[in-house]
Amino acid sequence: MNVVSMFLLGSAAYLFPNAHLDTKAVTVGTEELSLFVADEPHERVRGLMNVESLEDGDGMLFLFEKPQEVTFWNKNLLLSLDVIWVRGGVVIGIDSLFPESAAGIQYIYSKGVIDSVIEVPQGWGEQKGITVGDGVSFPQRIF
């Protein structure tokens, strides 16, 4: 299994470590998101690390070269997140990650083999009515 750090954005070069990443429009259920794309190993490791805030509709999309089981953790996580596990364009599970300062080191495991993961502010999925079985669409080819 891979251990992938999941974390957040910020501002300026230090506080906004993912400013150099592409963003893509992704739809989960009927909700459109603007997500930073982490499709390289070093980008997936950094994830949203040290990000202090996310706006509604923002987050990160983690893409994997091949379907696999993955583990995410909350090292240097400053925000609470919903972690949406995706396989073949379908939500197969939703978990939460909490800041390291509040929860200690926490690990969560994919719900079987996945090909992508979406991280958004914690509670977003419930607020928008996102459930297992919802579709995930990538209007632009990103794989």
Foldseek 3Di string as FASTA:
>chain_A
DAEFEAAAAADDVVGGVLPVFAWFWKDWQNDIATAGEDEDRVCRNCHRANHQDDDQRYWHKYFYPDWDKYKYKQVNHNAKKWKFFAAPQWTADIDIYGHCVVPPIDMDIHPGTGGMIIIDGPPSCVVVVGDGGTGMDGPDDDD
